[in-house]
Amino acid sequence: FGGRIVSVMVPDKDGNMKDVVLGFDSIQDYIKYPSDFGASIGRYANRINQGRFTLDGVEYQLPQNNYGHCLHGGPKGFQYRVYKGVQKNDQEVQLTYLAKDGEEGFPGNLQCTVTMKLTDDNAIDIQYEAETDKPTIVNMTNHSYFNLDGDPTTDNSAYLLTLNADNYTPIDSTFMTTGEIATVEGTPMDFRKPTAIGANINQEFEQLKSGNGIDHNWVLNTQGDVTKVCATLESPKTGIVLDVYTNEPGIQVYCGNFLDGTLTGKKGIVYNFRAAVCLETDKYPDTPNKPEWPSAVLRPGEKYQSQCIYKFSVHK
């Protein structure tokens, strides 16, 4: 259901196993309480302005499920669909889904594959592939909510965040990218050195007000090189470190600003404000309407390929 990561157990600096992602105890709760916890998002992760885009002269109207925009493929995006799952071996699962032409307003029958592999060096290697029978757009990502304390009663303010990015894409009050690419220099959006999230997130800065905190896309310096770390998150409390690698141009960092205590997750723990951090590797938001940005267009005969590696280690 939704191609979701439900649990990730990681040893902390004392060797105690911690579950570092948010989620629910039962499939019933995932169905009952709409959420993106751990999901394989599609057909288009992040936002599309007013749910509209034009491709080859044809305008498409998508659902407007977030401040007038289409978010994460609409209210019936891939996170609410059932993937077919096959366990390929002890360390690998392959999920497939056919998004039909016109589903949530998107063109083309899109055959998607999400392969999740647990590697011998303590990483989850996620690879997305897709093919279409007519021109379309595709932008997939994983939406795990990481709490590296392994204790969702704590918030993310002490976590050290590092982003390999000199620039980010500012948003307006509806969380929509303005089209600008702005420098992080001299702003609270500068995470080029390890910085406690809490030190920056509450500063008086227009972008943080617009995002209700951090809910922004950073323009990665890694430029599609999957061998270079694009983001690092560390819990000083547990010593658990998460390094992120991707071939995508951007990463959306979302600090759980909409968690509000109304959801009760695994083990009966209430998920309060900023109880986690999402690190979503993908194209920039609203690229179909911003042709100067890296394209999300997929045409027949082409193969969409996206990779995100979440690698865990311990800083003792």
C-alpha atoms as a PDB file:
ATOM      1  CA  PHE A   1       0.000   0.000   0.000  1.00  0.00           C
ATOM      2  CA  GLY A   2       1.708   3.155  -1.233  1.00  0.00           C
ATOM      3  CA  GLY A   3       5.044   1.353  -1.632  1.00  0.00           C
ATOM      4  CA  ARG A   4       5.867   2.342   1.928  1.00  0.00           C
ATOM      5  CA  ILE A   5       8.833   1.916   4.220  1.00  0.00           C
ATOM      6  CA  VAL A   6       7.179   1.056   7.534  1.00  0.00           C
ATOM      7  CA  SER A   7      10.144   0.580   9.857  1.00  0.00           C
ATOM      8  CA  VAL A   8      13.927   1.011   9.759  1.00  0.00           C
ATOM      9  CA  MET A   9      15.904  -0.423  12.651  1.00  0.00           C
ATOM     10  CA  VAL A  10      19.343   1.131  13.182  1.00  0.00           C
ATOM     11  CA  PRO A  11      21.832   0.626  16.041  1.00  0.00           C
ATOM     12  CA  ASP A  12      22.672   3.736  18.065  1.00  0.00           C
ATOM     13  CA  LYS A  13      26.096   4.569  19.563  1.00  0.00           C
ATOM     14  CA  ASP A  14      25.419   2.145  22.446  1.00  0.00           C
ATOM     15  CA  GLY A  15      24.349  -0.659  20.111  1.00  0.00           C
ATOM     16  CA  ASN A  16      20.643  -0.368  20.942  1.00  0.00           C
ATOM     17  CA  MET A  17      18.337  -0.846  17.957  1.00  0.00           C
ATOM     18  CA  LYS A  18      16.158   2.185  17.205  1.00  0.00           C
ATOM     19  CA  ASP A  19      13.261   2.500  14.756  1.00  0.00           C
ATOM     20  CA  VAL A  20      14.086   5.743  12.937  1.00  0.00           C
ATOM     21  CA  VAL A  21      10.999   6.312  10.755  1.00  0.00           C
ATOM     22  CA  LEU A  22       7.439   7.336  11.578  1.00  0.00           C
ATOM     23  CA  GLY A  23       4.489   5.171  10.597  1.00  0.00           C
ATOM     24  CA  PHE A  24       1.548   3.154  11.853  1.00  0.00           C
ATOM     25  CA  ASP A  25       1.221  -0.258  13.473  1.00  0.00           C
ATOM     26  CA  SER A  26      -1.437  -1.527  11.079  1.00  0.00           C
ATOM     27  CA  ILE A  27      -2.481  -1.307   7.437  1.00  0.00           C
ATOM     28  CA  GLN A  28      -5.887  -0.140   8.695  1.00  0.00           C
ATOM     29  CA  ASP A  29      -4.338   3.030  10.103  1.00  0.00           C
ATOM     30  CA  TYR A  30      -2.445   3.770   6.877  1.00  0.00           C
ATOM     31  CA  ILE A  31      -5.774   3.536   5.035  1.00  0.00           C
ATOM     32  CA  LYS A  32      -7.788   5.422   7.659  1.00  0.00           C
ATOM     33  CA  TYR A  33      -5.405   8.344   8.213  1.00  0.00           C
ATOM     34  CA  PRO A  34      -4.136   9.842   4.954  1.00  0.00           C
ATOM     35  CA  SER A  35      -0.396  10.419   5.272  1.00  0.00           C
ATOM     36  CA  ASP A  36       2.798  10.241   3.269  1.00  0.00           C
ATOM     37  CA  PHE A  37       4.655   8.220   5.927  1.00  0.00           C
ATOM     38  CA  GLY A  38       7.363   6.223   4.138  1.00  0.00           C
ATOM     39  CA  ALA A  39       5.541   6.306   0.807  1.00  0.00           C
ATOM     40  CA  SER A  40       6.788   5.946  -2.760  1.00  0.00           C
ATOM     41  CA  ILE A  41       5.331   9.201  -4.104  1.00  0.00           C
ATOM     42  CA  GLY A  42       4.134   9.727  -7.697  1.00  0.00           C
ATOM     43  CA  ARG A  43       3.229  10.476 -10.387  1.00  0.00           C
ATOM     44  CA  TYR A  44       4.649  13.877  -9.529  1.00  0.00           C
ATOM     45  CA  ALA A  45       6.215  14.463  -6.113  1.00  0.00           C
ATOM     46  CA  ASN A  46       5.912  17.969  -4.677  1.00  0.00           C
ATOM     47  CA  ARG A  47       3.735  20.757  -6.075  1.00  0.00           C
ATOM     48  CA  ILE A  48       2.450  21.775  -9.497  1.00  0.00           C
ATOM     49  CA  ASN A  49       1.121  25.344  -9.674  1.00  0.00           C
ATOM     50  CA  GLN A  50      -2.708  25.453  -9.745  1.00  0.00           C
ATOM     51  CA  GLY A  51      -2.576  21.788 -10.769  1.00  0.00           C
ATOM     52  CA  ARG A  52      -2.008  22.857 -14.366  1.00  0.00           C
ATOM     53  CA  PHE A  53       0.726  22.216 -16.904  1.00  0.00           C
ATOM     54  CA  THR A  54       1.055  22.264 -20.690  1.00  0.00           C
ATOM     55  CA  LEU A  55       2.934  19.588 -22.627  1.00  0.00           C
ATOM     56  CA  ASP A  56       3.298  19.630 -26.432  1.00  0.00           C
ATOM     57  CA  GLY A  57       0.592  22.300 -26.631  1.00  0.00           C
ATOM     58  CA  VAL A  58      -1.965  20.339 -24.592  1.00  0.00           C
ATOM     59  CA  GLU A  59      -3.049  21.721 -21.215  1.00  0.00           C
ATOM     60  CA  TYR A  60      -3.710  19.239 -18.421  1.00  0.00           C
ATOM     61  CA  GLN A  61      -5.692  19.948 -15.250  1.00  0.00           C
ATOM     62  CA  LEU A  62      -4.797  17.949 -12.157  1.00  0.00           C
ATOM     63  CA  PRO A  63      -6.489  17.856  -8.740  1.00  0.00           C
ATOM     64  CA  GLN A  64      -5.880  20.912  -6.553  1.00  0.00           C
ATOM     65  CA  ASN A  65      -5.362  19.313  -3.151  1.00  0.00           C
ATOM     66  CA  ASN A  66      -2.967  21.775  -1.467  1.00  0.00           C
ATOM     67  CA  TYR A  67      -3.519  25.554  -1.364  1.00  0.00           C
ATOM     68  CA  GLY A  68      -4.904  25.430  -4.904  1.00  0.00           C
ATOM     69  CA  HIS A  69      -1.964  23.360  -6.168  1.00  0.00           C
ATOM     70  CA  CYS A  70      -1.507  19.688  -6.974  1.00  0.00           C
ATOM     71  CA  LEU A  71       0.633  18.071  -4.269  1.00  0.00           C
ATOM     72  CA  HIS A  72       2.272  14.631  -4.515  1.00  0.00           C
ATOM     73  CA  GLY A  73       0.235  13.523  -7.519  1.00  0.00           C
ATOM     74  CA  GLY A  74      -3.162  14.475  -6.057  1.00  0.00           C
ATOM     75  CA  PRO A  75      -5.396  13.013  -3.335  1.00  0.00           C
ATOM     76  CA  LYS A  76      -5.201   9.581  -4.985  1.00  0.00           C
ATOM     77  CA  GLY A  77      -1.493   9.660  -5.801  1.00  0.00           C
ATOM     78  CA  PHE A  78       0.702   6.576  -5.743  1.00  0.00           C
ATOM     79  CA  GLN A  79       0.928   6.696  -1.932  1.00  0.00           C
ATOM     80  CA  TYR A  80      -2.733   5.564  -1.833  1.00  0.00           C
ATOM     81  CA  ARG A  81      -2.428   2.919  -4.541  1.00  0.00           C
ATOM     82  CA  VAL A  82      -1.492  -0.728  -4.171  1.00  0.00           C
ATOM     83  CA  TYR A  83       1.807  -1.712  -5.731  1.00  0.00           C
ATOM     84  CA  LYS A  84       2.511  -5.321  -6.642  1.00  0.00           C
ATOM     85  CA  GLY A  85       5.374  -6.539  -4.475  1.00  0.00           C
ATOM     86  CA  VAL A  86       7.918  -9.260  -5.208  1.00  0.00           C
ATOM     87  CA  GLN A  87      10.772 -10.163  -2.890  1.00  0.00           C
ATOM     88  CA  LYS A  88      13.701 -10.707  -5.269  1.00  0.00           C
ATOM     89  CA  ASN A  89      16.074 -12.033  -2.596  1.00  0.00           C
ATOM     90  CA  ASP A  90      16.904 -11.628   1.107  1.00  0.00           C
ATOM     91  CA  GLN A  91      17.845  -7.967   0.625  1.00  0.00           C
ATOM     92  CA  GLU A  92      15.667  -6.702  -2.205  1.00  0.00           C
ATOM     93  CA  VAL A  93      12.013  -6.038  -2.896  1.00  0.00           C
ATOM     94  CA  GLN A  94      10.563  -4.893  -6.201  1.00  0.00           C
ATOM     95  CA  LEU A  95       7.317  -2.941  -6.356  1.00  0.00           C
ATOM     96  CA  THR A  96       5.451  -2.320  -9.609  1.00  0.00           C
ATOM     97  CA  TYR A  97       2.496  -0.106 -10.418  1.00  0.00           C
ATOM     98  CA  LEU A  98       0.682   0.818 -13.627  1.00  0.00           C
ATOM     99  CA  ALA A  99      -0.693   4.356 -13.488  1.00  0.00           C
ATOM    100  CA  LYS A 100      -3.343   4.489 -16.168  1.00  0.00           C
ATOM    101  CA  ASP A 101      -3.713   7.220 -18.772  1.00  0.00           C
ATOM    102  CA  GLY A 102      -5.786  10.016 -17.208  1.00  0.00           C
ATOM    103  CA  GLU A 103      -5.296   8.866 -13.606  1.00  0.00           C
ATOM    104  CA  GLU A 104      -5.420  12.032 -11.457  1.00  0.00           C
ATOM    105  CA  GLY A 105      -5.398  13.962 -14.753  1.00  0.00           C
ATOM    106  CA  PHE A 106      -1.931  12.874 -15.917  1.00  0.00           C
ATOM    107  CA  PRO A 107      -1.428  11.684 -19.520  1.00  0.00           C
ATOM    108  CA  GLY A 108      -0.023   8.299 -20.513  1.00  0.00           C
ATOM    109  CA  ASN A 109      -0.068   4.781 -19.180  1.00  0.00           C
ATOM    110  CA  LEU A 110       2.953   4.854 -16.887  1.00  0.00           C
ATOM    111  CA  GLN A 111       4.545   1.560 -15.895  1.00  0.00           C
ATOM    112  CA  CYS A 112       6.536   2.185 -12.694  1.00  0.00           C
ATOM    113  CA  THR A 113       9.034   0.071 -10.794  1.00  0.00           C
ATOM    114  CA  VAL A 114      10.413   0.848  -7.348  1.00  0.00           C
ATOM    115  CA  THR A 115      13.285  -1.374  -6.236  1.00  0.00           C
ATOM    116  CA  MET A 116      14.345  -1.175  -2.598  1.00  0.00           C
ATOM    117  CA  LYS A 117      17.557  -2.889  -1.647  1.00  0.00           C
ATOM    118  CA  LEU A 118      19.160  -3.245   1.761  1.00  0.00           C
ATOM    119  CA  THR A 119      22.910  -3.056   1.063  1.00  0.00           C
ATOM    120  CA  ASP A 120      25.768  -4.645   3.003  1.00  0.00           C
ATOM    121  CA  ASP A 121      27.036  -1.173   3.968  1.00  0.00           C
ATOM    122  CA  ASN A 122      23.868  -0.267   5.901  1.00  0.00           C
ATOM    123  CA  ALA A 123      22.008   1.650   3.217  1.00  0.00           C
ATOM    124  CA  ILE A 124      18.565   1.522   1.673  1.00  0.00           C
ATOM    125  CA  ASP A 125      19.132   1.931  -2.056  1.00  0.00           C
ATOM    126  CA  ILE A 126      15.890   2.992  -3.769  1.00  0.00           C
ATOM    127  CA  GLN A 127      15.722   2.940  -7.560  1.00  0.00           C
ATOM    128  CA  TYR A 128      12.751   4.203  -9.545  1.00  0.00           C
ATOM    129  CA  GLU A 129      12.091   3.378 -13.188  1.00  0.00           C
ATOM    130  CA  ALA A 130       9.170   4.294 -15.424  1.00  0.00           C
ATOM    131  CA  GLU A 131       8.106   4.032 -19.061  1.00  0.00           C
ATOM    132  CA  THR A 132       5.161   5.662 -20.805  1.00  0.00           C
ATOM    133  CA  ASP A 133       3.122   5.216 -23.983  1.00  0.00           C
ATOM    134  CA  LYS A 134       2.540   8.950 -24.483  1.00  0.00           C
ATOM    135  CA  PRO A 135       4.392  12.117 -23.423  1.00  0.00           C
ATOM    136  CA  THR A 136       3.953  12.722 -19.709  1.00  0.00           C
ATOM    137  CA  ILE A 137       5.709  14.029 -16.617  1.00  0.00           C
ATOM    138  CA  VAL A 138       7.109  11.915 -13.806  1.00  0.00           C
ATOM    139  CA  ASN A 139       8.902  12.758 -10.569  1.00  0.00           C
ATOM    140  CA  MET A 140       9.045  10.075  -7.886  1.00  0.00           C
ATOM    141  CA  THR A 141      10.484  10.176  -4.380  1.00  0.00           C
ATOM    142  CA  ASN A 142      10.419   8.508  -0.993  1.00  0.00           C
ATOM    143  CA  HIS A 143       8.623  10.330   1.812  1.00  0.00           C
ATOM    144  CA  SER A 144      10.053   8.714   4.932  1.00  0.00           C
ATOM    145  CA  TYR A 145       9.839  10.810   8.091  1.00  0.00           C
ATOM    146  CA  PHE A 146      13.135  10.329   9.922  1.00  0.00           C
ATOM    147  CA  ASN A 147      13.385  10.592  13.694  1.00  0.00           C
ATOM    148  CA  LEU A 148      16.987   9.644  14.397  1.00  0.00           C
ATOM    149  CA  ASP A 149      16.457   9.660  18.162  1.00  0.00           C
ATOM    150  CA  GLY A 150      14.234   6.635  17.635  1.00  0.00           C
ATOM    151  CA  ASP A 151      11.858   8.531  19.924  1.00  0.00           C
ATOM    152  CA  PRO A 152       9.058  10.448  18.172  1.00  0.00           C
ATOM    153  CA  THR A 153       8.130  12.181  21.460  1.00  0.00           C
ATOM    154  CA  THR A 154      11.194  14.373  20.769  1.00  0.00           C
ATOM    155  CA  ASP A 155      11.366  17.044  18.065  1.00  0.00           C
ATOM    156  CA  ASN A 156      14.070  17.627  15.464  1.00  0.00           C
ATOM    157  CA  SER A 157      15.567  20.859  16.834  1.00  0.00           C
ATOM    158  CA  ALA A 158      18.835  19.270  18.032  1.00  0.00           C
ATOM    159  CA  TYR A 159      19.469  17.358  14.805  1.00  0.00           C
ATOM    160  CA  LEU A 160      22.468  18.506  12.813  1.00  0.00           C
ATOM    161  CA  LEU A 161      21.575  19.069   9.171  1.00  0.00           C
ATOM    162  CA  THR A 162      24.123  19.475   6.382  1.00  0.00           C
ATOM    163  CA  LEU A 163      23.090  20.233   2.792  1.00  0.00           C
ATOM    164  CA  ASN A 164      25.512  20.211  -0.136  1.00  0.00           C
ATOM    165  CA  ALA A 165      23.751  23.179  -1.734  1.00  0.00           C
ATOM    166  CA  ASP A 166      24.646  26.831  -2.326  1.00  0.00           C
ATOM    167  CA  ASN A 167      21.146  27.716  -3.529  1.00  0.00           C
ATOM    168  CA  TYR A 168      17.486  26.962  -2.887  1.00  0.00           C
ATOM    169  CA  THR A 169      14.150  27.751  -4.544  1.00  0.00           C
ATOM    170  CA  PRO A 170      12.094  30.323  -2.572  1.00  0.00           C
ATOM    171  CA  ILE A 171       8.328  29.863  -2.167  1.00  0.00           C
ATOM    172  CA  ASP A 172       5.281  32.080  -1.718  1.00  0.00           C
ATOM    173  CA  SER A 173       2.706  31.839   1.082  1.00  0.00           C
ATOM    174  CA  THR A 174       1.012  28.885  -0.682  1.00  0.00           C
ATOM    175  CA  PHE A 175       4.300  26.902  -0.663  1.00  0.00           C
ATOM    176  CA  MET A 176       4.690  27.383  -4.431  1.00  0.00           C
ATOM    177  CA  THR A 177       8.128  28.035  -5.899  1.00  0.00           C
ATOM    178  CA  THR A 178       8.423  31.559  -7.313  1.00  0.00           C
ATOM    179  CA  GLY A 179      10.814  30.576 -10.110  1.00  0.00           C
ATOM    180  CA  GLU A 180      13.748  32.226  -8.393  1.00  0.00           C
ATOM    181  CA  ILE A 181      16.937  30.384  -7.483  1.00  0.00           C
ATOM    182  CA  ALA A 182      18.396  32.175  -4.456  1.00  0.00           C
ATOM    183  CA  THR A 183      21.683  31.904  -2.601  1.00  0.00           C
ATOM    184  CA  VAL A 184      21.689  30.486   0.917  1.00  0.00           C
ATOM    185  CA  GLU A 185      24.565  32.822   1.794  1.00  0.00           C
ATOM    186  CA  GLY A 186      23.795  34.946   4.845  1.00  0.00           C
ATOM    187  CA  THR A 187      20.362  33.357   5.409  1.00  0.00           C
ATOM    188  CA  PRO A 188      18.935  30.713   7.788  1.00  0.00           C
ATOM    189  CA  MET A 189      18.687  28.446   4.710  1.00  0.00           C
ATOM    190  CA  ASP A 190      22.467  27.927   4.827  1.00  0.00           C
ATOM    191  CA  PHE A 191      23.203  24.376   5.983  1.00  0.00           C
ATOM    192  CA  ARG A 192      26.505  23.967   4.157  1.00  0.00           C
ATOM    193  CA  LYS A 193      28.117  23.231   7.520  1.00  0.00           C
ATOM    194  CA  PRO A 194      26.459  20.956  10.132  1.00  0.00           C
ATOM    195  CA  THR A 195      23.844  23.167  11.799  1.00  0.00           C
ATOM    196  CA  ALA A 196      21.252  22.382  14.454  1.00  0.00           C
ATOM    197  CA  ILE A 197      17.826  22.690  12.811  1.00  0.00           C
ATOM    198  CA  GLY A 198      16.511  24.529  15.865  1.00  0.00           C
ATOM    199  CA  ALA A 199      19.192  27.206  15.493  1.00  0.00           C
ATOM    200  CA  ASN A 200      17.818  28.280  12.114  1.00  0.00           C
ATOM    201  CA  ILE A 201      14.197  27.231  11.767  1.00  0.00           C
ATOM    202  CA  ASN A 202      12.628  29.840  14.072  1.00  0.00           C
ATOM    203  CA  GLN A 203      14.561  32.848  12.809  1.00  0.00           C
ATOM    204  CA  GLU A 204      12.743  35.944  11.566  1.00  0.00           C
ATOM    205  CA  PHE A 205      13.028  35.243   7.862  1.00  0.00           C
ATOM    206  CA  GLU A 206      10.279  35.623   5.275  1.00  0.00           C
ATOM    207  CA  GLN A 207      10.898  32.200   3.706  1.00  0.00           C
ATOM    208  CA  LEU A 208      10.584  30.433   7.051  1.00  0.00           C
ATOM    209  CA  LYS A 209       7.290  32.220   7.664  1.00  0.00           C
ATOM    210  CA  SER A 210       6.076  31.200   4.184  1.00  0.00           C
ATOM    211  CA  GLY A 211       7.041  27.575   4.824  1.00  0.00           C
ATOM    212  CA  ASN A 212       5.757  27.387   8.401  1.00  0.00           C
ATOM    213  CA  GLY A 213       9.394  26.493   8.997  1.00  0.00           C
ATOM    214  CA  ILE A 214      11.489  24.488   6.559  1.00  0.00           C
ATOM    215  CA  ASP A 215       9.562  23.012   3.626  1.00  0.00           C
ATOM    216  CA  HIS A 216      11.830  23.948   0.743  1.00  0.00           C
ATOM    217  CA  ASN A 217      13.757  22.551  -2.184  1.00  0.00           C
ATOM    218  CA  TRP A 218      17.535  22.959  -2.265  1.00  0.00           C
ATOM    219  CA  VAL A 219      19.493  23.060  -5.539  1.00  0.00           C
ATOM    220  CA  LEU A 220      22.145  20.405  -5.051  1.00  0.00           C
ATOM    221  CA  ASN A 221      25.803  21.011  -5.828  1.00  0.00           C
ATOM    222  CA  THR A 222      26.174  17.283  -6.535  1.00  0.00           C
ATOM    223  CA  GLN A 223      24.588  17.757 -10.001  1.00  0.00           C
ATOM    224  CA  GLY A 224      23.340  14.209 -10.336  1.00  0.00           C
ATOM    225  CA  ASP A 225      26.490  12.487  -9.034  1.00  0.00           C
ATOM    226  CA  VAL A 226      25.118   9.640  -6.926  1.00  0.00           C
ATOM    227  CA  THR A 227      28.551   8.991  -5.382  1.00  0.00           C
ATOM    228  CA  LYS A 228      28.568  12.338  -3.546  1.00  0.00           C
ATOM    229  CA  VAL A 229      26.716  13.003  -0.290  1.00  0.00           C
ATOM    230  CA  CYS A 230      23.956  15.555  -0.893  1.00  0.00           C
ATOM    231  CA  ALA A 231      22.551  15.731   2.641  1.00  0.00           C
ATOM    232  CA  THR A 232      23.446  14.523   6.137  1.00  0.00           C
ATOM    233  CA  LEU A 233      21.233  14.342   9.209  1.00  0.00           C
ATOM    234  CA  GLU A 234      22.623  13.431  12.625  1.00  0.00           C
ATOM    235  CA  SER A 235      21.151  12.951  16.075  1.00  0.00           C
ATOM    236  CA  PRO A 236      23.678  14.044  18.734  1.00  0.00           C
ATOM    237  CA  LYS A 237      21.626  12.046  21.241  1.00  0.00           C
ATOM    238  CA  THR A 238      21.865   8.612  19.579  1.00  0.00           C
ATOM    239  CA  GLY A 239      24.856   9.249  17.315  1.00  0.00           C
ATOM    240  CA  ILE A 240      22.838   7.915  14.374  1.00  0.00           C
ATOM    241  CA  VAL A 241      23.892   9.538  11.085  1.00  0.00           C
ATOM    242  CA  LEU A 242      21.919   9.470   7.825  1.00  0.00           C
ATOM    243  CA  ASP A 243      23.756  10.329   4.597  1.00  0.00           C
ATOM    244  CA  VAL A 244      21.685  10.844   1.451  1.00  0.00           C
ATOM    245  CA  TYR A 245      22.879  10.293  -2.121  1.00  0.00           C
ATOM    246  CA  THR A 246      20.922  10.905  -5.335  1.00  0.00           C
ATOM    247  CA  ASN A 247      21.156  11.408  -9.096  1.00  0.00           C
ATOM    248  CA  GLU A 248      18.416  14.048  -8.838  1.00  0.00           C
ATOM    249  CA  PRO A 249      19.079  17.818  -9.014  1.00  0.00           C
ATOM    250  CA  GLY A 250      17.142  18.739  -5.876  1.00  0.00           C
ATOM    251  CA  ILE A 251      16.167  17.729  -2.370  1.00  0.00           C
ATOM    252  CA  GLN A 252      13.031  18.835  -0.576  1.00  0.00           C
ATOM    253  CA  VAL A 253      13.684  19.179   3.142  1.00  0.00           C
ATOM    254  CA  TYR A 254      10.500  19.123   5.201  1.00  0.00           C
ATOM    255  CA  CYS A 255      10.705  19.379   8.976  1.00  0.00           C
ATOM    256  CA  GLY A 256       7.295  18.044  10.000  1.00  0.00           C
ATOM    257  CA  ASN A 257       5.699  21.483  10.363  1.00  0.00           C
ATOM    258  CA  PHE A 258       2.219  20.055   9.789  1.00  0.00           C
ATOM    259  CA  LEU A 259       2.469  17.300  12.372  1.00  0.00           C
ATOM    260  CA  ASP A 260       0.148  18.593  15.075  1.00  0.00           C
ATOM    261  CA  GLY A 261      -0.530  15.829  17.585  1.00  0.00           C
ATOM    262  CA  THR A 262      -3.671  14.554  15.852  1.00  0.00           C
ATOM    263  CA  LEU A 263      -2.009  11.351  14.603  1.00  0.00           C
ATOM    264  CA  THR A 264      -1.008   8.480  16.864  1.00  0.00           C
ATOM    265  CA  GLY A 265       1.669   6.319  15.282  1.00  0.00           C
ATOM    266  CA  LYS A 266       3.519   3.120  16.086  1.00  0.00           C
ATOM    267  CA  LYS A 267       3.520   1.971  19.722  1.00  0.00           C
ATOM    268  CA  GLY A 268       0.780   4.492  20.562  1.00  0.00           C
ATOM    269  CA  ILE A 269       3.100   7.508  20.311  1.00  0.00           C
ATOM    270  CA  VAL A 270       1.476  10.819  19.366  1.00  0.00           C
ATOM    271  CA  TYR A 271       3.278  12.613  16.542  1.00  0.00           C
ATOM    272  CA  ASN A 272       3.730  16.226  17.576  1.00  0.00           C
ATOM    273  CA  PHE A 273       5.035  19.326  15.776  1.00  0.00           C
ATOM    274  CA  ARG A 274       8.361  18.729  14.009  1.00  0.00           C
ATOM    275  CA  ALA A 275       8.825  15.175  15.273  1.00  0.00           C
ATOM    276  CA  ALA A 276      10.771  14.205  12.137  1.00  0.00           C
ATOM    277  CA  VAL A 277      12.603  15.330   9.010  1.00  0.00           C
ATOM    278  CA  CYS A 278      11.819  14.290   5.421  1.00  0.00           C
ATOM    279  CA  LEU A 279      14.608  14.283   2.830  1.00  0.00           C
ATOM    280  CA  GLU A 280      12.905  13.916  -0.547  1.00  0.00           C
ATOM    281  CA  THR A 281      15.235  13.705  -3.548  1.00  0.00           C
ATOM    282  CA  ASP A 282      13.548  14.815  -6.763  1.00  0.00           C
ATOM    283  CA  LYS A 283      13.170  17.409  -9.492  1.00  0.00           C
ATOM    284  CA  TYR A 284      12.437  20.945  -8.317  1.00  0.00           C
ATOM    285  CA  PRO A 285       8.778  21.704  -7.518  1.00  0.00           C
ATOM    286  CA  ASP A 286       6.624  22.863 -10.462  1.00  0.00           C
ATOM    287  CA  THR A 287       9.266  22.101 -13.107  1.00  0.00           C
ATOM    288  CA  PRO A 288       6.583  21.479 -15.782  1.00  0.00           C
ATOM    289  CA  ASN A 289       5.766  25.209 -15.584  1.00  0.00           C
ATOM    290  CA  LYS A 290       9.384  26.354 -15.329  1.00  0.00           C
ATOM    291  CA  PRO A 291      11.100  25.182 -18.525  1.00  0.00           C
ATOM    292  CA  GLU A 292      14.477  26.583 -17.468  1.00  0.00           C
ATOM    293  CA  TRP A 293      14.628  24.006 -14.645  1.00  0.00           C
ATOM    294  CA  PRO A 294      15.646  20.318 -15.051  1.00  0.00           C
ATOM    295  CA  SER A 295      12.838  18.659 -16.991  1.00  0.00           C
ATOM    296  CA  ALA A 296      10.434  16.036 -15.650  1.00  0.00           C
ATOM    297  CA  VAL A 297       9.134  15.149 -19.137  1.00  0.00           C
ATOM    298  CA  LEU A 298       9.161  11.488 -20.166  1.00  0.00           C
ATOM    299  CA  ARG A 299       8.418  10.390 -23.712  1.00  0.00           C
ATOM    300  CA  PRO A 300       7.670   6.986 -25.264  1.00  0.00           C
ATOM    301  CA  GLY A 301      10.870   5.023 -25.799  1.00  0.00           C
ATOM    302  CA  GLU A 302      12.641   6.771 -22.925  1.00  0.00           C
ATOM    303  CA  LYS A 303      13.211   5.387 -19.448  1.00  0.00           C
ATOM    304  CA  TYR A 304      12.833   7.460 -16.300  1.00  0.00           C
ATOM    305  CA  GLN A 305      15.517   6.518 -13.779  1.00  0.00           C
ATOM    306  CA  SER A 306      15.879   8.032 -10.341  1.00  0.00           C
ATOM    307  CA  GLN A 307      17.963   6.868  -7.398  1.00  0.00           C
ATOM    308  CA  CYS A 308      18.029   7.753  -3.715  1.00  0.00           C
ATOM    309  CA  ILE A 309      20.315   6.102  -1.193  1.00  0.00           C
ATOM    310  CA  TYR A 310      19.690   6.488   2.545  1.00  0.00           C
ATOM    311  CA  LYS A 311      22.879   5.320   4.242  1.00  0.00           C
ATOM    312  CA  PHE A 312      23.125   4.895   8.023  1.00  0.00           C
ATOM    313  CA  SER A 313      26.155   4.978  10.294  1.00  0.00           C
ATOM    314  CA  VAL A 314      26.987   5.805  13.890  1.00  0.00           C
ATOM    315  CA  HIS A 315      29.038   8.731  15.147  1.00  0.00           C
ATOM    316  CA  LYS A 316      30.441   7.610  18.496  1.00  0.00           C
END
